[in-house]
Every structure is written in C-alpha cells, then in structure tokens.
C-alpha atoms as a PDB file:
ATOM      1  CA  MET A   1     -71.771  23.803 -18.512  1.00  0.00           C
ATOM      2  CA  LYS A   2     -69.592  22.437 -21.271  1.00  0.00           C
ATOM      3  CA  LYS A   3     -65.868  22.835 -20.824  1.00  0.00           C
ATOM      4  CA  ARG A   4     -64.696  20.988 -23.910  1.00  0.00           C
ATOM      5  CA  LEU A   5     -62.319  23.285 -25.779  1.00  0.00           C
ATOM      6  CA  LEU A   6     -63.065  23.766 -29.452  1.00  0.00           C
ATOM      7  CA  SER A   7     -60.501  24.996 -31.898  1.00  0.00           C
ATOM      8  CA  THR A   8     -59.742  28.668 -32.276  1.00  0.00           C
ATOM      9  CA  VAL A   9     -60.663  28.378 -35.926  1.00  0.00           C
ATOM     10  CA  LEU A  10     -64.274  27.548 -35.108  1.00  0.00           C
ATOM     11  CA  SER A  11     -64.636  30.577 -32.847  1.00  0.00           C
ATOM     12  CA  MET A  12     -63.292  32.903 -35.513  1.00  0.00           C
ATOM     13  CA  SER A  13     -66.686  32.883 -37.232  1.00  0.00           C
ATOM     14  CA  MET A  14     -68.029  34.986 -34.413  1.00  0.00           C
ATOM     15  CA  ILE A  15     -65.136  37.441 -34.807  1.00  0.00           C
ATOM     16  CA  ALA A  16     -65.751  37.746 -38.535  1.00  0.00           C
ATOM     17  CA  GLY A  17     -69.371  38.629 -37.895  1.00  0.00           C
ATOM     18  CA  MET A  18     -68.463  41.301 -35.373  1.00  0.00           C
ATOM     19  CA  MET A  19     -65.636  43.109 -37.150  1.00  0.00           C
ATOM     20  CA  VAL A  20     -67.801  45.029 -39.579  1.00  0.00           C
ATOM     21  CA  GLY A  21     -69.204  48.520 -39.731  1.00  0.00           C
ATOM     22  CA  VAL A  22     -68.275  51.813 -38.096  1.00  0.00           C
ATOM     23  CA  THR A  23     -71.032  54.140 -36.881  1.00  0.00           C
ATOM     24  CA  ALA A  24     -70.583  57.634 -35.479  1.00  0.00           C
ATOM     25  CA  PHE A  25     -70.992  58.010 -31.714  1.00  0.00           C
ATOM     26  CA  ALA A  26     -72.993  60.929 -30.365  1.00  0.00           C
ATOM     27  CA  GLU A  27     -70.416  63.674 -29.962  1.00  0.00           C
ATOM     28  CA  GLU A  28     -69.626  65.862 -26.980  1.00  0.00           C
ATOM     29  CA  GLU A  29     -68.585  69.222 -28.346  1.00  0.00           C
ATOM     30  CA  THR A  30     -66.804  72.254 -26.952  1.00  0.00           C
ATOM     31  CA  GLU A  31     -67.853  75.608 -28.297  1.00  0.00           C
ATOM     32  CA  ALA A  32     -65.715  77.027 -31.067  1.00  0.00           C
ATOM     33  CA  PRO A  33     -64.975  80.780 -31.182  1.00  0.00           C
ATOM     34  CA  ALA A  34     -66.650  82.879 -33.850  1.00  0.00           C
ATOM     35  CA  ALA A  35     -63.423  83.024 -35.824  1.00  0.00           C
ATOM     36  CA  TYR A  36     -59.817  81.878 -35.541  1.00  0.00           C
ATOM     37  CA  ALA A  37     -56.853  84.068 -36.334  1.00  0.00           C
ATOM     38  CA  GLU A  38     -55.937  84.049 -40.015  1.00  0.00           C
ATOM     39  CA  GLU A  39     -52.408  82.910 -39.229  1.00  0.00           C
ATOM     40  CA  ALA A  40     -53.833  79.830 -37.473  1.00  0.00           C
ATOM     41  CA  LEU A  41     -55.471  78.553 -40.653  1.00  0.00           C
ATOM     42  CA  GLY A  42     -54.081  76.561 -43.569  1.00  0.00           C
ATOM     43  CA  GLY A  43     -50.915  74.492 -43.586  1.00  0.00           C
ATOM     44  CA  LYS A  44     -50.630  70.876 -42.450  1.00  0.00           C
ATOM     45  CA  TRP A  45     -51.918  68.975 -39.439  1.00  0.00           C
ATOM     46  CA  GLY A  46     -49.972  65.911 -38.335  1.00  0.00           C
ATOM     47  CA  VAL A  47     -51.765  62.981 -36.701  1.00  0.00           C
ATOM     48  CA  ALA A  48     -49.916  60.062 -35.114  1.00  0.00           C
ATOM     49  CA  VAL A  49     -51.949  57.097 -33.863  1.00  0.00           C
ATOM     50  CA  PRO A  50     -51.061  53.563 -32.704  1.00  0.00           C
ATOM     51  CA  ASN A  51     -53.152  51.846 -35.385  1.00  0.00           C
ATOM     52  CA  ALA A  52     -55.307  53.586 -37.988  1.00  0.00           C
ATOM     53  CA  THR A  53     -57.361  50.467 -38.822  1.00  0.00           C
ATOM     54  CA  ASN A  54     -58.595  49.932 -35.253  1.00  0.00           C
ATOM     55  CA  SER A  55     -62.183  51.273 -35.121  1.00  0.00           C
ATOM     56  CA  PHE A  56     -61.529  53.416 -32.040  1.00  0.00           C
ATOM     57  CA  TYR A  57     -58.399  55.054 -33.429  1.00  0.00           C
ATOM     58  CA  SER A  58     -59.904  55.460 -36.888  1.00  0.00           C
ATOM     59  CA  THR A  59     -62.869  57.291 -35.346  1.00  0.00           C
ATOM     60  CA  CYS A  60     -60.446  59.566 -33.451  1.00  0.00           C
ATOM     61  CA  VAL A  61     -58.788  60.323 -36.792  1.00  0.00           C
ATOM     62  CA  ALA A  62     -62.190  60.961 -38.384  1.00  0.00           C
ATOM     63  CA  GLY A  63     -62.906  63.469 -35.609  1.00  0.00           C
ATOM     64  CA  VAL A  64     -59.724  65.333 -36.534  1.00  0.00           C
ATOM     65  CA  GLU A  65     -60.335  65.192 -40.281  1.00  0.00           C
ATOM     66  CA  ASP A  66     -64.005  66.198 -40.069  1.00  0.00           C
ATOM     67  CA  THR A  67     -63.249  69.155 -37.812  1.00  0.00           C
ATOM     68  CA  VAL A  68     -60.331  70.347 -39.935  1.00  0.00           C
ATOM     69  CA  ALA A  69     -62.600  70.156 -43.000  1.00  0.00           C
ATOM     70  CA  GLU A  70     -65.192  72.274 -41.176  1.00  0.00           C
ATOM     71  CA  LEU A  71     -63.039  74.843 -39.378  1.00  0.00           C
ATOM     72  CA  ASP A  72     -59.759  74.883 -41.331  1.00  0.00           C
ATOM     73  CA  PRO A  73     -60.799  73.861 -44.862  1.00  0.00           C
ATOM     74  CA  ASP A  74     -57.609  75.014 -46.601  1.00  0.00           C
ATOM     75  CA  ALA A  75     -55.440  72.801 -44.378  1.00  0.00           C
ATOM     76  CA  SER A  76     -54.383  69.219 -45.079  1.00  0.00           C
ATOM     77  CA  VAL A  77     -54.104  66.295 -42.654  1.00  0.00           C
ATOM     78  CA  ILE A  78     -51.216  63.801 -42.625  1.00  0.00           C
ATOM     79  CA  VAL A  79     -52.017  60.590 -40.714  1.00  0.00           C
ATOM     80  CA  THR A  80     -49.394  58.066 -39.578  1.00  0.00           C
ATOM     81  CA  ASP A  81     -50.011  54.524 -38.323  1.00  0.00           C
ATOM     82  CA  ALA A  82     -47.354  52.994 -36.055  1.00  0.00           C
ATOM     83  CA  SER A  83     -48.857  49.484 -35.881  1.00  0.00           C
ATOM     84  CA  PHE A  84     -48.429  49.492 -32.088  1.00  0.00           C
ATOM     85  CA  ASP A  85     -44.645  49.923 -32.455  1.00  0.00           C
ATOM     86  CA  SER A  86     -43.303  52.628 -30.090  1.00  0.00           C
ATOM     87  CA  GLN A  87     -40.039  53.107 -31.978  1.00  0.00           C
ATOM     88  CA  LYS A  88     -41.931  53.420 -35.241  1.00  0.00           C
ATOM     89  CA  GLN A  89     -44.144  56.086 -33.694  1.00  0.00           C
ATOM     90  CA  LEU A  90     -41.083  58.038 -32.531  1.00  0.00           C
ATOM     91  CA  ASP A  91     -39.740  57.961 -36.087  1.00  0.00           C
ATOM     92  CA  GLN A  92     -43.095  58.980 -37.566  1.00  0.00           C
ATOM     93  CA  VAL A  93     -43.426  61.976 -35.248  1.00  0.00           C
ATOM     94  CA  ALA A  94     -39.871  63.043 -36.133  1.00  0.00           C
ATOM     95  CA  ASP A  95     -40.861  62.855 -39.814  1.00  0.00           C
ATOM     96  CA  LEU A  96     -43.985  64.957 -39.210  1.00  0.00           C
ATOM     97  CA  VAL A  97     -41.823  67.555 -37.468  1.00  0.00           C
ATOM     98  CA  SER A  98     -39.425  67.600 -40.429  1.00  0.00           C
ATOM     99  CA  GLN A  99     -42.404  68.113 -42.771  1.00  0.00           C
ATOM    100  CA  GLY A 100     -43.274  71.290 -40.885  1.00  0.00           C
ATOM    101  CA  VAL A 101     -46.741  70.436 -39.632  1.00  0.00           C
ATOM    102  CA  LYS A 102     -48.338  73.357 -37.821  1.00  0.00           C
ATOM    103  CA  ALA A 103     -49.776  71.146 -35.057  1.00  0.00           C
ATOM    104  CA  LEU A 104     -49.414  67.534 -33.982  1.00  0.00           C
ATOM    105  CA  VAL A 105     -52.348  65.447 -32.735  1.00  0.00           C
ATOM    106  CA  LEU A 106     -51.027  62.389 -30.951  1.00  0.00           C
ATOM    107  CA  ILE A 107     -52.193  59.170 -29.311  1.00  0.00           C
ATOM    108  CA  PRO A 108     -49.094  57.697 -27.639  1.00  0.00           C
ATOM    109  CA  ILE A 109     -48.496  53.964 -27.732  1.00  0.00           C
ATOM    110  CA  ASP A 110     -46.369  54.303 -24.610  1.00  0.00           C
ATOM    111  CA  SER A 111     -46.876  57.377 -22.433  1.00  0.00           C
ATOM    112  CA  ASN A 112     -43.183  57.718 -21.511  1.00  0.00           C
ATOM    113  CA  ALA A 113     -41.426  56.305 -24.560  1.00  0.00           C
ATOM    114  CA  ILE A 114     -42.985  59.044 -26.714  1.00  0.00           C
ATOM    115  CA  LEU A 115     -41.567  61.927 -24.633  1.00  0.00           C
ATOM    116  CA  PRO A 116     -38.441  62.582 -26.770  1.00  0.00           C
ATOM    117  CA  ALA A 117     -40.660  63.039 -29.832  1.00  0.00           C
ATOM    118  CA  VAL A 118     -43.029  65.348 -27.963  1.00  0.00           C
ATOM    119  CA  GLU A 119     -40.133  67.484 -26.774  1.00  0.00           C
ATOM    120  CA  GLU A 120     -38.660  67.576 -30.287  1.00  0.00           C
ATOM    121  CA  ALA A 121     -41.964  68.893 -31.643  1.00  0.00           C
ATOM    122  CA  ALA A 122     -42.243  71.469 -28.876  1.00  0.00           C
ATOM    123  CA  GLU A 123     -38.680  72.689 -29.497  1.00  0.00           C
ATOM    124  CA  ALA A 124     -39.627  73.147 -33.168  1.00  0.00           C
ATOM    125  CA  GLY A 125     -42.536  75.375 -32.100  1.00  0.00           C
ATOM    126  CA  ILE A 126     -45.182  72.802 -33.020  1.00  0.00           C
ATOM    127  CA  PRO A 127     -48.061  72.579 -30.530  1.00  0.00           C
ATOM    128  CA  VAL A 128     -48.753  68.995 -29.434  1.00  0.00           C
ATOM    129  CA  LEU A 129     -52.373  68.022 -28.773  1.00  0.00           C
ATOM    130  CA  VAL A 130     -52.722  64.636 -27.096  1.00  0.00           C
ATOM    131  CA  MET A 131     -55.905  62.573 -27.131  1.00  0.00           C
ATOM    132  CA  ASP A 132     -57.096  59.421 -25.371  1.00  0.00           C
ATOM    133  CA  THR A 133     -53.788  58.459 -23.711  1.00  0.00           C
ATOM    134  CA  PRO A 134     -51.928  61.151 -21.746  1.00  0.00           C
ATOM    135  CA  CYS A 135     -48.177  61.491 -22.078  1.00  0.00           C
ATOM    136  CA  GLY A 136     -45.845  61.129 -19.140  1.00  0.00           C
ATOM    137  CA  GLU A 137     -44.571  64.208 -17.343  1.00  0.00           C
ATOM    138  CA  THR A 138     -43.601  66.875 -19.880  1.00  0.00           C
ATOM    139  CA  ASP A 139     -44.091  70.573 -20.615  1.00  0.00           C
ATOM    140  CA  GLY A 140     -44.263  69.845 -24.329  1.00  0.00           C
ATOM    141  CA  VAL A 141     -48.007  69.154 -24.510  1.00  0.00           C
ATOM    142  CA  VAL A 142     -50.349  72.097 -25.050  1.00  0.00           C
ATOM    143  CA  SER A 143     -53.589  70.252 -24.295  1.00  0.00           C
ATOM    144  CA  THR A 144     -54.704  66.706 -23.508  1.00  0.00           C
ATOM    145  CA  VAL A 145     -58.243  65.549 -24.322  1.00  0.00           C
ATOM    146  CA  ILE A 146     -59.287  62.254 -22.791  1.00  0.00           C
ATOM    147  CA  ALA A 147     -62.251  60.282 -21.729  1.00  0.00           C
ATOM    148  CA  ASP A 148     -62.337  60.073 -17.948  1.00  0.00           C
ATOM    149  CA  ASN A 149     -60.459  56.772 -17.923  1.00  0.00           C
ATOM    150  CA  TYR A 150     -60.787  56.172 -14.207  1.00  0.00           C
ATOM    151  CA  ASN A 151     -64.547  56.638 -14.567  1.00  0.00           C
ATOM    152  CA  LEU A 152     -64.585  54.212 -17.504  1.00  0.00           C
ATOM    153  CA  GLY A 153     -62.895  51.568 -15.373  1.00  0.00           C
ATOM    154  CA  GLU A 154     -65.235  52.285 -12.494  1.00  0.00           C
ATOM    155  CA  ILE A 155     -68.313  51.895 -14.712  1.00  0.00           C
ATOM    156  CA  ALA A 156     -67.145  48.588 -16.199  1.00  0.00           C
ATOM    157  CA  GLY A 157     -65.782  47.327 -12.900  1.00  0.00           C
ATOM    158  CA  ARG A 158     -68.875  48.076 -10.855  1.00  0.00           C
ATOM    159  CA  ALA A 159     -71.171  46.500 -13.444  1.00  0.00           C
ATOM    160  CA  LEU A 160     -69.084  43.306 -13.309  1.00  0.00           C
ATOM    161  CA  LEU A 161     -68.745  43.093  -9.538  1.00  0.00           C
ATOM    162  CA  GLU A 162     -72.425  43.751  -8.927  1.00  0.00           C
ATOM    163  CA  GLU A 163     -73.432  41.164 -11.522  1.00  0.00           C
ATOM    164  CA  ILE A 164     -71.481  38.377  -9.780  1.00  0.00           C
ATOM    165  CA  GLY A 165     -72.862  39.303  -6.382  1.00  0.00           C
ATOM    166  CA  GLY A 166     -69.743  40.936  -4.991  1.00  0.00           C
ATOM    167  CA  GLU A 167     -67.810  37.723  -4.429  1.00  0.00           C
ATOM    168  CA  GLY A 168     -65.800  35.114  -6.311  1.00  0.00           C
ATOM    169  CA  GLU A 169     -62.916  34.926  -8.766  1.00  0.00           C
ATOM    170  CA  ILE A 170     -62.399  37.221 -11.729  1.00  0.00           C
ATOM    171  CA  VAL A 171     -59.638  37.700 -14.290  1.00  0.00           C
ATOM    172  CA  THR A 172     -58.434  40.794 -16.132  1.00  0.00           C
ATOM    173  CA  ILE A 173     -57.374  40.863 -19.780  1.00  0.00           C
ATOM    174  CA  THR A 174     -55.793  44.208 -20.657  1.00  0.00           C
ATOM    175  CA  THR A 175     -53.082  45.980 -22.577  1.00  0.00           C
ATOM    176  CA  THR A 176     -50.216  47.678 -20.800  1.00  0.00           C
ATOM    177  CA  GLY A 177     -47.909  50.681 -20.916  1.00  0.00           C
ATOM    178  CA  SER A 178     -50.385  53.571 -21.085  1.00  0.00           C
ATOM    179  CA  GLU A 179     -51.730  55.831 -18.374  1.00  0.00           C
ATOM    180  CA  ALA A 180     -55.257  55.408 -19.780  1.00  0.00           C
ATOM    181  CA  VAL A 181     -55.238  51.631 -19.309  1.00  0.00           C
ATOM    182  CA  ASN A 182     -53.555  51.911 -15.933  1.00  0.00           C
ATOM    183  CA  ASN A 183     -56.269  54.298 -14.719  1.00  0.00           C
ATOM    184  CA  ARG A 184     -58.997  51.918 -15.903  1.00  0.00           C
ATOM    185  CA  LYS A 185     -57.403  49.038 -14.025  1.00  0.00           C
ATOM    186  CA  GLN A 186     -56.804  51.152 -10.927  1.00  0.00           C
ATOM    187  CA  ALA A 187     -60.512  51.921 -10.735  1.00  0.00           C
ATOM    188  CA  LEU A 188     -61.235  48.186 -10.576  1.00  0.00           C
ATOM    189  CA  TYR A 189     -58.586  47.646  -7.888  1.00  0.00           C
ATOM    190  CA  ASP A 190     -60.015  50.495  -5.801  1.00  0.00           C
ATOM    191  CA  LEU A 191     -63.549  49.121  -6.055  1.00  0.00           C
ATOM    192  CA  ILE A 192     -62.379  45.723  -4.828  1.00  0.00           C
ATOM    193  CA  GLU A 193     -60.340  47.191  -1.991  1.00  0.00           C
ATOM    194  CA  ASN A 194     -62.976  49.652  -0.813  1.00  0.00           C
ATOM    195  CA  GLU A 195     -66.310  47.997  -1.594  1.00  0.00           C
ATOM    196  CA  TYR A 196     -65.925  44.376  -2.735  1.00  0.00           C
ATOM    197  CA  PRO A 197     -63.351  42.660  -0.483  1.00  0.00           C
ATOM    198  CA  ASP A 198     -64.723  39.197  -1.306  1.00  0.00           C
ATOM    199  CA  ILE A 199     -63.613  39.495  -4.952  1.00  0.00           C
ATOM    200  CA  LYS A 200     -60.319  37.874  -5.883  1.00  0.00           C
ATOM    201  CA  ILE A 201     -58.413  38.579  -9.103  1.00  0.00           C
ATOM    202  CA  THR A 202     -56.846  35.206  -9.884  1.00  0.00           C
ATOM    203  CA  GLN A 203     -55.167  36.104 -13.197  1.00  0.00           C
ATOM    204  CA  GLU A 204     -54.033  39.354 -14.803  1.00  0.00           C
ATOM    205  CA  GLU A 205     -53.341  38.681 -18.473  1.00  0.00           C
ATOM    206  CA  ILE A 206     -51.695  41.111 -20.903  1.00  0.00           C
ATOM    207  CA  VAL A 207     -52.603  41.352 -24.592  1.00  0.00           C
ATOM    208  CA  GLN A 208     -49.137  42.233 -25.860  1.00  0.00           C
ATOM    209  CA  ASN A 209     -50.049  42.921 -29.503  1.00  0.00           C
ATOM    210  CA  GLY A 210     -53.476  44.459 -28.960  1.00  0.00           C
ATOM    211  CA  THR A 211     -55.433  41.979 -31.110  1.00  0.00           C
ATOM    212  CA  THR A 212     -58.763  40.213 -30.850  1.00  0.00           C
ATOM    213  CA  GLU A 213     -57.162  36.894 -31.733  1.00  0.00           C
ATOM    214  CA  GLU A 214     -54.663  37.170 -28.891  1.00  0.00           C
ATOM    215  CA  ALA A 215     -57.451  37.889 -26.393  1.00  0.00           C
ATOM    216  CA  LEU A 216     -59.329  34.847 -27.711  1.00  0.00           C
ATOM    217  CA  THR A 217     -56.306  32.597 -27.132  1.00  0.00           C
ATOM    218  CA  ILE A 218     -55.780  33.984 -23.635  1.00  0.00           C
ATOM    219  CA  MET A 219     -59.410  33.328 -22.720  1.00  0.00           C
ATOM    220  CA  GLU A 220     -59.290  29.787 -24.076  1.00  0.00           C
ATOM    221  CA  ASN A 221     -56.205  29.124 -21.950  1.00  0.00           C
ATOM    222  CA  ILE A 222     -58.016  30.455 -18.894  1.00  0.00           C
ATOM    223  CA  LEU A 223     -60.960  28.162 -19.545  1.00  0.00           C
ATOM    224  CA  GLN A 224     -58.636  25.212 -20.092  1.00  0.00           C
ATOM    225  CA  GLY A 225     -56.989  25.944 -16.727  1.00  0.00           C
ATOM    226  CA  GLY A 226     -60.194  24.929 -14.999  1.00  0.00           C
ATOM    227  CA  SER A 227     -60.392  27.801 -12.489  1.00  0.00           C
ATOM    228  CA  ASP A 228     -63.806  28.817 -11.214  1.00  0.00           C
ATOM    229  CA  VAL A 229     -63.906  32.180 -12.984  1.00  0.00           C
ATOM    230  CA  LYS A 230     -67.118  34.145 -12.497  1.00  0.00           C
ATOM    231  CA  GLY A 231     -66.180  37.276 -14.413  1.00  0.00           C
ATOM    232  CA  VAL A 232     -63.781  38.934 -16.853  1.00  0.00           C
ATOM    233  CA  PHE A 233     -62.786  42.616 -16.861  1.00  0.00           C
ATOM    234  CA  THR A 234     -61.179  43.881 -20.055  1.00  0.00           C
ATOM    235  CA  THR A 235     -60.026  47.357 -21.029  1.00  0.00           C
ATOM    236  CA  GLY A 236     -61.075  47.300 -24.689  1.00  0.00           C
ATOM    237  CA  ASP A 237     -64.037  46.119 -26.726  1.00  0.00           C
ATOM    238  CA  VAL A 238     -61.669  44.644 -29.316  1.00  0.00           C
ATOM    239  CA  PHE A 239     -60.588  42.166 -26.627  1.00  0.00           C
ATOM    240  CA  ALA A 240     -64.168  41.509 -25.536  1.00  0.00           C
ATOM    241  CA  ILE A 241     -64.856  40.154 -29.033  1.00  0.00           C
ATOM    242  CA  GLY A 242     -62.184  37.486 -28.593  1.00  0.00           C
ATOM    243  CA  ILE A 243     -63.195  36.732 -25.001  1.00  0.00           C
ATOM    244  CA  CYS A 244     -66.855  36.254 -25.905  1.00  0.00           C
ATOM    245  CA  SER A 245     -65.912  34.204 -28.965  1.00  0.00           C
ATOM    246  CA  ALA A 246     -63.941  31.826 -26.734  1.00  0.00           C
ATOM    247  CA  LEU A 247     -66.864  31.486 -24.338  1.00  0.00           C
ATOM    248  CA  LYS A 248     -69.314  30.745 -27.138  1.00  0.00           C
ATOM    249  CA  ALA A 249     -67.009  28.281 -28.888  1.00  0.00           C
ATOM    250  CA  ASN A 250     -66.439  26.377 -25.659  1.00  0.00           C
ATOM    251  CA  GLY A 251     -70.096  25.849 -24.894  1.00  0.00           C
ATOM    252  CA  TYR A 252     -70.705  28.575 -22.330  1.00  0.00           C
ATOM    253  CA  GLU A 253     -74.172  30.094 -22.307  1.00  0.00           C
ATOM    254  CA  PRO A 254     -74.637  33.874 -22.602  1.00  0.00           C
ATOM    255  CA  GLY A 255     -73.955  35.427 -19.207  1.00  0.00           C
ATOM    256  CA  GLU A 256     -72.618  32.234 -17.639  1.00  0.00           C
ATOM    257  CA  ILE A 257     -69.345  34.088 -17.159  1.00  0.00           C
ATOM    258  CA  ALA A 258     -69.924  37.834 -16.848  1.00  0.00           C
ATOM    259  CA  VAL A 259     -67.778  40.037 -19.099  1.00  0.00           C
ATOM    260  CA  THR A 260     -67.482  43.829 -19.042  1.00  0.00           C
ATOM    261  CA  SER A 261     -65.455  46.036 -21.337  1.00  0.00           C
ATOM    262  CA  ILE A 262     -64.586  49.616 -22.236  1.00  0.00           C
ATOM    263  CA  ASP A 263     -64.963  51.796 -25.358  1.00  0.00           C
ATOM    264  CA  GLY A 264     -68.564  51.651 -26.582  1.00  0.00           C
ATOM    265  CA  THR A 265     -68.114  50.236 -30.078  1.00  0.00           C
ATOM    266  CA  THR A 266     -70.847  48.949 -32.349  1.00  0.00           C
ATOM    267  CA  ASN A 267     -69.274  45.505 -31.940  1.00  0.00           C
ATOM    268  CA  ALA A 268     -69.706  45.715 -28.166  1.00  0.00           C
ATOM    269  CA  ALA A 269     -73.349  46.720 -28.579  1.00  0.00           C
ATOM    270  CA  GLU A 270     -73.923  43.625 -30.690  1.00  0.00           C
ATOM    271  CA  LEU A 271     -72.233  41.459 -28.057  1.00  0.00           C
ATOM    272  CA  ILE A 272     -74.505  42.943 -25.389  1.00  0.00           C
ATOM    273  CA  GLU A 273     -77.520  42.108 -27.521  1.00  0.00           C
ATOM    274  CA  SER A 274     -76.223  38.534 -27.834  1.00  0.00           C
ATOM    275  CA  GLY A 275     -75.969  38.262 -24.047  1.00  0.00           C
ATOM    276  CA  TYR A 276     -72.264  37.370 -23.987  1.00  0.00           C
ATOM    277  CA  LEU A 277     -71.162  40.879 -22.935  1.00  0.00           C
ATOM    278  CA  LEU A 278     -72.785  42.342 -19.832  1.00  0.00           C
ATOM    279  CA  ALA A 279     -71.826  45.996 -20.393  1.00  0.00           C
ATOM    280  CA  THR A 280     -69.345  48.383 -21.959  1.00  0.00           C
ATOM    281  CA  ALA A 281     -68.282  51.765 -20.625  1.00  0.00           C
ATOM    282  CA  ALA A 282     -68.655  54.089 -23.603  1.00  0.00           C
ATOM    283  CA  GLN A 283     -66.652  57.096 -24.695  1.00  0.00           C
ATOM    284  CA  SER A 284     -66.678  59.259 -27.829  1.00  0.00           C
ATOM    285  CA  PRO A 285     -63.501  58.976 -29.924  1.00  0.00           C
ATOM    286  CA  HIS A 286     -64.847  61.372 -32.560  1.00  0.00           C
ATOM    287  CA  ALA A 287     -65.195  64.059 -29.897  1.00  0.00           C
ATOM    288  CA  LEU A 288     -61.600  63.480 -28.802  1.00  0.00           C
ATOM    289  CA  GLY A 289     -60.324  64.349 -32.273  1.00  0.00           C
ATOM    290  CA  GLU A 290     -62.750  67.214 -32.663  1.00  0.00           C
ATOM    291  CA  ASN A 291     -61.746  68.908 -29.420  1.00  0.00           C
ATOM    292  CA  CYS A 292     -58.035  68.492 -30.178  1.00  0.00           C
ATOM    293  CA  VAL A 293     -58.455  70.434 -33.423  1.00  0.00           C
ATOM    294  CA  LYS A 294     -60.473  73.169 -31.708  1.00  0.00           C
ATOM    295  CA  ASN A 295     -57.869  73.464 -28.978  1.00  0.00           C
ATOM    296  CA  GLY A 296     -55.077  73.556 -31.555  1.00  0.00           C
ATOM    297  CA  LEU A 297     -56.728  76.322 -33.557  1.00  0.00           C
ATOM    298  CA  ALA A 298     -57.447  78.297 -30.399  1.00  0.00           C
ATOM    299  CA  TYR A 299     -53.820  77.962 -29.273  1.00  0.00           C
ATOM    300  CA  LEU A 300     -52.511  79.002 -32.674  1.00  0.00           C
ATOM    301  CA  SER A 301     -54.857  82.000 -32.470  1.00  0.00           C
ATOM    302  CA  GLY A 302     -53.235  83.108 -29.222  1.00  0.00           C
ATOM    303  CA  GLU A 303     -55.999  81.940 -26.919  1.00  0.00           C
ATOM    304  CA  GLU A 304     -55.612  80.012 -23.684  1.00  0.00           C
ATOM    305  CA  VAL A 305     -56.700  76.384 -23.841  1.00  0.00           C
ATOM    306  CA  GLU A 306     -57.431  73.847 -21.142  1.00  0.00           C
ATOM    307  CA  GLU A 307     -54.430  71.704 -20.287  1.00  0.00           C
ATOM    308  CA  LEU A 308     -56.701  68.744 -19.573  1.00  0.00           C
ATOM    309  CA  GLN A 309     -60.217  67.988 -20.778  1.00  0.00           C
ATOM    310  CA  ALA A 310     -61.957  64.838 -19.529  1.00  0.00           C
ATOM    311  CA  LEU A 311     -65.060  64.003 -21.556  1.00  0.00           C
ATOM    312  CA  SER A 312     -68.023  62.259 -19.982  1.00  0.00           C
ATOM    313  CA  CYS A 313     -68.659  58.492 -20.228  1.00  0.00           C
ATOM    314  CA  THR A 314     -71.721  56.269 -19.936  1.00  0.00           C
ATOM    315  CA  GLU A 315     -72.648  52.632 -19.336  1.00  0.00           C
ATOM    316  CA  VAL A 316     -74.191  50.662 -22.185  1.00  0.00           C
ATOM    317  CA  ASN A 317     -76.038  47.507 -21.129  1.00  0.00           C
ATOM    318  CA  ALA A 318     -79.072  45.409 -21.997  1.00  0.00           C
ATOM    319  CA  ASP A 319     -81.412  48.124 -20.708  1.00  0.00           C
ATOM    320  CA  ASN A 320     -80.258  50.861 -23.099  1.00  0.00           C
ATOM    321  CA  VAL A 321     -78.359  49.160 -25.933  1.00  0.00           C
ATOM    322  CA  ALA A 322     -81.345  49.343 -28.310  1.00  0.00           C
ATOM    323  CA  ASP A 323     -81.072  53.161 -28.303  1.00  0.00           C
ATOM    324  CA  TYR A 324     -77.283  53.322 -28.389  1.00  0.00           C
ATOM    325  CA  VAL A 325     -75.290  54.362 -31.469  1.00  0.00           C
ATOM    326  CA  GLY A 326     -71.673  53.174 -31.332  1.00  0.00           C
ATOM    327  CA  PHE A 327     -68.668  53.658 -33.580  1.00  0.00           C
END
C-alpha cells in the first residue's frame, strides 16, 4: 500500500469526471385524488432549499416543479438558494411569505434555526411542507416527507461493518446540524453498540461547508495521520467523491479502505463501478418534492394529510449497480 500523499490538485481530476450528469431516480408516488379544489389551484409556490446546484437538492426541486406543472399548471414556482447559510434561508423564507406564496416547500439547513421562519409562514396562513430534513419541534409544519434516514444510515453502516469483518477502526465524515444527518449517524452508533462491539470510531470529522473538496482534504489529513483505518462512513455521496478521490490519489487500491455513503446519486453509482465505493444507501429526491406538492394541494383542498411520510430506501452495491438509475 502506498501512503505517499499527492497534491489535492492531482486528485481533482477524479472529481471533475464525477460531477457531471443528473438522471431521474425511480420515483415512489402517493396517489393523487381525482381532482383538487378549485381554490387550491393557481397562485405561487415557494421553495426554499440549502443549495439549488447540489444534485440532490436540485432533483428535489425538479420533483416540485414537475408535479406543479402536472397537477397545478396555472401556478408558478419561486425557488430560493441559501448557499448553506441559515440566516440567508431565514431571510429568503420571510421574503417568500411577503410575496404571498400559497404554500412553502422547505428543506431546512438547520432544523431548529429555521423555526422562526416556519412559524412566521404558519401565522400568515401559508402551509409549510418540509422535505428531506425535518424541522425541530413546531406546530407550523403541515406535512413532512422524508426518506427513512435511520434506515439509510443502517443500510450504509451495516454494509461497511460487514465488509471489514466486524472489527477494526473506522472514521465518519459527515455534515452536522440536521435531524436527518443525526439519524443516519445514530443508526451507525446503534449497530456498533448492539451488534459490532469490536468496531472503534477513531475520528468523527465534520464537513462544515458541505463540499466535495472539503471532504477530500479531510480524508487526505486522515491518511497522513497514519492511523490504521479500515473503513469510512459518510452521510452524503458528494463527500464520497472527495473521499474516494483522496484514496485514489494517494495510491490506495479500490476497496483497500471500505467506504459507504448515502443518497444514491449517479456519481455514487460510478464510484461503485470503479470499486472505490462499496455501497450507497439510495433514496428518491424527486419523490420527496412530488409528495410535498400532492400533500400541499390536498391540504389546500381541505383534506387531511399525513404529518410524516417516510419513503423507502435501498442499498446500491456492486451486485445491482448495473441496473440502477440514479439522479
């Protein structure tokens, strides 16, 4: 095994090759009623996401836009991008409220920091539909549509721990601040405590700005530290790109250090095919946006909607990646 560190610049060629293309994921749909109330149609939908250029979030937005075009064709959609800035997202939601949107579809950057904006929307009579990342405790949210985040963490965690034989040192490279990420990490902790006591997490690293490049730098620093890491658990495919780039650039063979991730992107599928990523736990961001719109229209039509919907997830690995369509 080579441990000579190469420059970050050299490993960026792998990133450049991965950060292309967005393909629709197979959608999980909820049934729409035969017709929505006339007063529920038209007007403006507001959408507030952490980052509209991220492939996951952009596919969530596409789910909203496609479903509005199909079910509410006279309505418009206003999309805001907070660039992972919680204060900016608060301001953007306040602006959407002032514009009089009829419903707000939201992915919080921080589950608790967003609560004043959620309550402001609710007080203005605007239903708030949350997707992917639940808000903290509030009565202001009409419906939350998520992937089963604990199950996602369990899928990725179990694949990693089984691959390394249930013993040895692993590291985690994750974001922070959201209930979704915390649930994914908790699933890993529970697996170790209940089933894999010989696993030791030696480092828990945080990707503060949510970028591939930051994850790459973190992984290179881990490798430079010389610890006997057998596996890496990360909570997003965007980070897996940087992690695998660091491994490749530093002379590690595919699979020499096992890496598992979460999301199910096309990029992750390509990494699995290369052998550098063991598995990703896949969800459907398009279905998140789709179901939020359906729930919003149902609510505006006077129907009851589910307070929480958890959509199913699946493992993508070398055995099934050839048949998998990511996003």
